[in-house]
């Protein structure tokens, strides 16, 4: 329920990645191979990650900070499809044969990323015992979230959508203190609405409903205290399914 500890500033970024996802300390030779297949990128708040021509499929590991994955369908037509936090692995496709939208990764807060050609990353993970299974676990997790998002957008009510979003955030970046879970959301309410297919006015109304039910408290636009996670799950129709 608690968020991942931030990376120690003295950690080697690629070794940190190996520790988190590959669950092992790589040999100097394997670490060198991993470094040669990827690169570190720093992105300022609000900026789009410049990935360059790495591959038609790119794997992005979030070292620090947070970002949103946005699909562009044309001028002024976009959809937030996922949020990424420290320790997450995101997959982007740049090939028109694999996707009907242009996807970009935009920083919600200043963030540090590792970008790999997806095929190279999988090849490197095979050299680590248990590494490939950890990578595929992250890929399957992303697939599960994408499927759940389809159900959320197509079948859930506005109340269920927001409750599901907050349950998901509690599980991914929440800080537990006793029975209360604290969130400091890096995204705006408009971005939450864009992700859930709701207007900002609907998000505000549903926040008020949850406050009036003593399920949450809000300090400002970003800080939320979840007072009753069980009831929040009930409002979410018992399923937390958000990107």
Protein backbone atom coordinates (compact mmCIF):
# COMPACT_ATOMS: atom_id res chain seq x y z
CA UNK A 1 0.00 0.00 0.00
CA UNK A 2 2.95 2.31 0.50
CA UNK A 3 4.85 3.88 -2.35
CA UNK A 4 8.29 2.74 -3.38
CA UNK A 5 11.23 4.37 -1.63
CA UNK A 6 12.98 6.91 -3.83
CA UNK A 7 16.23 5.95 -5.43
CA UNK A 8 19.33 6.79 -3.45
CA UNK A 9 21.20 9.55 -5.30
CA UNK A 10 24.39 7.47 -5.11
CA UNK A 11 22.82 4.43 -6.80
CA UNK A 12 23.94 3.70 -10.34
CA UNK A 13 20.75 4.16 -12.42
CA UNK A 14 21.07 0.97 -14.47
CA UNK A 15 21.98 -1.09 -11.40
CA UNK A 16 18.95 0.38 -9.62
CA UNK A 17 16.81 -0.72 -12.55
CA UNK A 18 18.29 -4.22 -12.29
CA UNK A 19 17.66 -4.32 -8.55
CA UNK A 20 14.01 -3.30 -8.95
CA UNK A 21 12.96 -5.27 -12.04
CA UNK A 22 15.57 -7.95 -12.56
CA UNK A 23 15.89 -8.70 -8.83
CA UNK A 24 19.62 -9.21 -9.04
CA UNK A 25 22.98 -7.48 -8.99
CA UNK A 26 24.34 -7.66 -12.51
CA UNK A 27 27.89 -8.59 -13.30
CA UNK A 28 30.03 -5.76 -14.69
CA UNK A 29 29.75 -7.32 -18.16
CA UNK A 30 25.94 -7.67 -17.99
CA UNK A 31 25.63 -4.15 -16.61
CA UNK A 32 27.71 -2.88 -19.53
CA UNK A 33 25.38 -4.64 -21.99
CA UNK A 34 22.34 -3.11 -20.27
CA UNK A 35 23.88 0.37 -20.45
CA UNK A 36 24.67 -0.03 -24.13
CA UNK A 37 21.04 -0.91 -24.89
CA UNK A 38 19.51 2.09 -23.11
CA UNK A 39 20.01 5.68 -22.07
CA UNK A 40 19.01 7.96 -19.23
CA UNK A 41 16.69 10.87 -19.97
CA UNK A 42 15.78 13.78 -17.69
CA UNK A 43 12.48 15.53 -18.38
CA UNK A 44 11.35 18.84 -16.86
CA UNK A 45 7.81 19.23 -15.58
CA UNK A 46 5.35 19.59 -18.45
CA UNK A 47 7.91 18.62 -21.08
CA UNK A 48 7.67 15.65 -23.44
CA UNK A 49 10.37 12.99 -23.25
CA UNK A 50 12.61 13.11 -26.33
CA UNK A 51 13.11 9.42 -26.97
CA UNK A 52 14.68 9.65 -30.40
CA UNK A 53 14.69 6.76 -32.84
CA UNK A 54 15.35 3.95 -30.39
CA UNK A 55 13.06 1.31 -31.84
CA UNK A 56 9.48 0.81 -32.98
CA UNK A 57 8.77 -0.42 -29.45
CA UNK A 58 10.38 1.40 -26.55
CA UNK A 59 10.42 0.40 -22.88
CA UNK A 60 10.56 3.29 -20.41
CA UNK A 61 11.53 2.72 -16.78
CA UNK A 62 10.66 5.57 -14.40
CA UNK A 63 13.64 6.10 -12.11
CA UNK A 64 12.23 9.12 -10.29
CA UNK A 65 9.28 11.46 -10.63
CA UNK A 66 6.01 10.85 -12.47
CA UNK A 67 4.70 11.06 -16.02
CA UNK A 68 1.59 10.56 -18.11
CA UNK A 69 1.29 8.51 -21.28
CA UNK A 70 -0.82 10.45 -23.79
CA UNK A 71 -2.31 9.21 -27.04
CA UNK A 72 -2.83 11.82 -29.77
CA UNK A 73 -5.49 11.20 -32.41
CA UNK A 74 -5.18 14.57 -34.14
CA UNK A 75 -5.22 18.31 -33.41
CA UNK A 76 -6.68 18.91 -29.93
CA UNK A 77 -7.72 15.26 -29.64
CA UNK A 78 -5.81 13.35 -26.98
CA UNK A 79 -6.39 10.80 -24.25
CA UNK A 80 -4.36 10.10 -21.12
CA UNK A 81 -4.02 6.33 -21.14
CA UNK A 82 -1.68 5.73 -18.19
CA UNK A 83 0.26 7.34 -15.37
CA UNK A 84 3.80 6.25 -14.54
CA UNK A 85 5.52 6.51 -11.16
CA UNK A 86 8.90 5.57 -9.75
CA UNK A 87 9.55 1.88 -10.42
CA UNK A 88 7.05 1.55 -13.28
CA UNK A 89 7.83 0.17 -16.71
CA UNK A 90 5.88 1.69 -19.62
CA UNK A 91 5.80 0.48 -23.22
CA UNK A 92 5.45 2.81 -26.22
CA UNK A 93 4.91 1.90 -29.85
CA UNK A 94 6.02 4.28 -32.59
CA UNK A 95 5.01 2.11 -35.53
CA UNK A 96 1.78 3.02 -37.39
CA UNK A 97 1.38 -0.69 -38.08
CA UNK A 98 1.02 -1.36 -34.35
CA UNK A 99 -0.98 1.68 -33.26
CA UNK A 100 -3.55 4.11 -34.61
CA UNK A 101 -2.43 6.92 -32.30
CA UNK A 102 0.79 8.79 -31.59
CA UNK A 103 1.86 8.21 -28.00
CA UNK A 104 4.11 10.52 -26.02
CA UNK A 105 5.34 10.54 -22.45
CA UNK A 106 4.97 13.88 -20.67
CA UNK A 107 6.37 14.67 -17.22
CA UNK A 108 3.88 15.51 -14.48
CA UNK A 109 6.82 16.38 -12.26
CA UNK A 110 10.49 16.54 -13.11
CA UNK A 111 11.46 12.96 -13.75
CA UNK A 112 14.37 10.73 -14.66
CA UNK A 113 13.80 7.87 -17.10
CA UNK A 114 15.68 4.97 -18.62
CA UNK A 115 14.74 4.28 -22.24
CA UNK A 116 15.44 0.94 -23.94
CA UNK A 117 14.65 -0.65 -27.26
CA UNK A 118 12.14 -3.24 -26.02
CA UNK A 119 13.82 -6.15 -27.84
CA UNK A 120 17.23 -5.24 -26.40
CA UNK A 121 15.80 -5.03 -22.90
CA UNK A 122 14.24 -8.48 -23.16
CA UNK A 123 17.51 -9.88 -24.49
CA UNK A 124 19.45 -8.33 -21.58
CA UNK A 125 16.95 -9.65 -19.04
CA UNK A 126 17.55 -13.21 -20.24
CA UNK A 127 21.10 -12.97 -18.87
CA UNK A 128 19.77 -12.43 -15.35
CA UNK A 129 18.28 -15.31 -13.38
CA UNK A 130 14.59 -14.53 -13.06
CA UNK A 131 15.07 -11.31 -15.01
CA UNK A 132 12.93 -12.21 -18.00
CA UNK A 133 10.04 -13.31 -15.79
CA UNK A 134 10.18 -9.97 -13.95
CA UNK A 135 10.10 -8.04 -17.22
CA UNK A 136 7.18 -10.08 -18.54
CA UNK A 137 5.36 -9.62 -15.24
CA UNK A 138 5.56 -5.86 -15.78
CA UNK A 139 4.32 -6.25 -19.37
CA UNK A 140 1.37 -8.37 -18.23
CA UNK A 141 0.62 -5.84 -15.49
CA UNK A 142 0.45 -3.07 -18.10
CA UNK A 143 -1.84 -5.27 -20.23
CA UNK A 144 -4.12 -5.95 -17.25
CA UNK A 145 -4.37 -2.22 -16.52
CA UNK A 146 -5.19 -1.48 -20.15
CA UNK A 147 -7.98 -4.07 -20.13
CA UNK A 148 -9.37 -2.76 -16.85
CA UNK A 149 -9.31 0.76 -18.23
CA UNK A 150 -11.46 -0.35 -21.17
CA UNK A 151 -14.05 -1.73 -18.75
CA UNK A 152 -13.85 1.39 -16.59
CA UNK A 153 -14.39 3.78 -19.50
CA UNK A 154 -17.13 1.74 -21.08
CA UNK A 155 -19.19 0.41 -18.18
CA UNK A 156 -18.55 2.24 -14.91
CA UNK A 157 -20.46 5.22 -13.58
CA UNK A 158 -18.72 8.52 -12.80
CA UNK A 159 -18.77 7.67 -9.09
CA UNK A 160 -17.25 4.23 -9.71
CA UNK A 161 -14.61 5.67 -12.03
CA UNK A 162 -13.30 8.21 -9.52
CA UNK A 163 -13.43 5.72 -6.62
CA UNK A 164 -11.52 3.18 -8.74
CA UNK A 165 -8.92 5.82 -9.59
CA UNK A 166 -8.37 6.69 -5.92
CA UNK A 167 -8.11 3.03 -4.91
CA UNK A 168 -5.52 2.50 -7.62
CA UNK A 169 -3.53 5.56 -6.53
CA UNK A 170 -3.67 4.36 -2.91
CA UNK A 171 -2.16 1.05 -3.97
CA UNK A 172 0.51 2.61 -6.16
CA UNK A 173 1.65 5.82 -4.45
CA UNK A 174 -0.26 5.94 -1.15
CA UNK A 175 1.43 6.45 2.21
CA UNK A 176 -0.29 4.56 5.05
CA UNK A 177 -0.40 5.96 8.58
CA UNK A 178 -2.57 3.67 10.65
CA UNK A 179 -5.88 3.20 8.87
CA UNK A 180 -5.53 6.42 6.87
CA UNK A 181 -3.84 6.50 3.45
CA UNK A 182 -2.38 9.78 2.24
CA UNK A 183 -2.05 10.76 -1.41
CA UNK A 184 -0.16 13.65 -2.95
CA UNK A 185 -1.37 13.43 -6.52
CA UNK A 186 1.02 14.80 -9.17
CA UNK A 187 -1.75 15.16 -11.75
CA UNK A 188 -4.44 17.88 -11.87
CA UNK A 189 -8.15 17.20 -11.62
CA UNK A 190 -8.44 18.03 -15.30
CA UNK A 191 -5.88 15.31 -16.06
CA UNK A 192 -7.79 12.88 -13.86
CA UNK A 193 -10.91 13.73 -15.84
CA UNK A 194 -9.08 13.28 -19.15
CA UNK A 195 -7.95 9.83 -18.05
CA UNK A 196 -11.40 8.77 -16.82
CA UNK A 197 -13.44 10.34 -19.60
CA UNK A 198 -15.08 12.83 -17.21
CA UNK A 199 -15.30 16.61 -17.03
CA UNK A 200 -13.49 18.50 -14.29
CA UNK A 201 -16.89 19.56 -12.93
CA UNK A 202 -17.90 15.90 -12.58
CA UNK A 203 -14.64 15.10 -10.81
CA UNK A 204 -15.29 17.94 -8.34
CA UNK A 205 -18.87 16.77 -7.70
CA UNK A 206 -17.80 13.20 -7.06
CA UNK A 207 -15.02 14.37 -4.71
CA UNK A 208 -17.71 16.24 -2.75
CA UNK A 209 -19.83 13.07 -2.54
CA UNK A 210 -16.88 11.12 -1.10
CA UNK A 211 -16.10 13.91 1.37
CA UNK A 212 -19.72 14.09 2.53
CA UNK A 213 -19.65 10.33 3.11
CA UNK A 214 -16.53 10.75 5.31
CA UNK A 215 -14.60 8.47 2.98
CA UNK A 216 -11.95 11.03 2.07
CA UNK A 217 -10.64 14.41 3.18
CA UNK A 218 -9.07 16.91 0.80
CA UNK A 219 -6.52 19.49 1.87
CA UNK A 220 -6.13 21.13 -1.52
CA UNK A 221 -6.30 20.10 -5.16
CA UNK A 222 -3.58 17.45 -4.79
CA UNK A 223 -3.53 16.18 -1.20
CA UNK A 224 -6.15 13.58 -0.29
CA UNK A 225 -6.55 11.46 2.84
CA UNK A 226 -8.47 8.22 2.34
CA UNK A 227 -10.24 7.60 5.64
CA UNK A 228 -12.16 4.44 4.76
CA UNK A 229 -10.57 2.31 2.04
CA UNK A 230 -13.17 -0.45 2.41
CA UNK A 231 -16.06 1.89 1.64
CA UNK A 232 -14.07 3.47 -1.18
CA UNK A 233 -13.71 0.00 -2.71
CA UNK A 234 -17.48 -0.41 -2.43
CA UNK A 235 -17.97 2.87 -4.29
CA UNK A 236 -15.56 1.49 -6.91
CA UNK A 237 -17.80 -1.59 -7.37
CA UNK A 238 -15.19 -3.70 -5.53
CA UNK A 239 -12.65 -3.45 -8.36
CA UNK A 240 -9.73 -1.04 -8.67
CA UNK A 241 -9.08 -0.76 -12.39
CA UNK A 242 -7.23 2.37 -13.43
CA UNK A 243 -4.06 2.95 -15.45
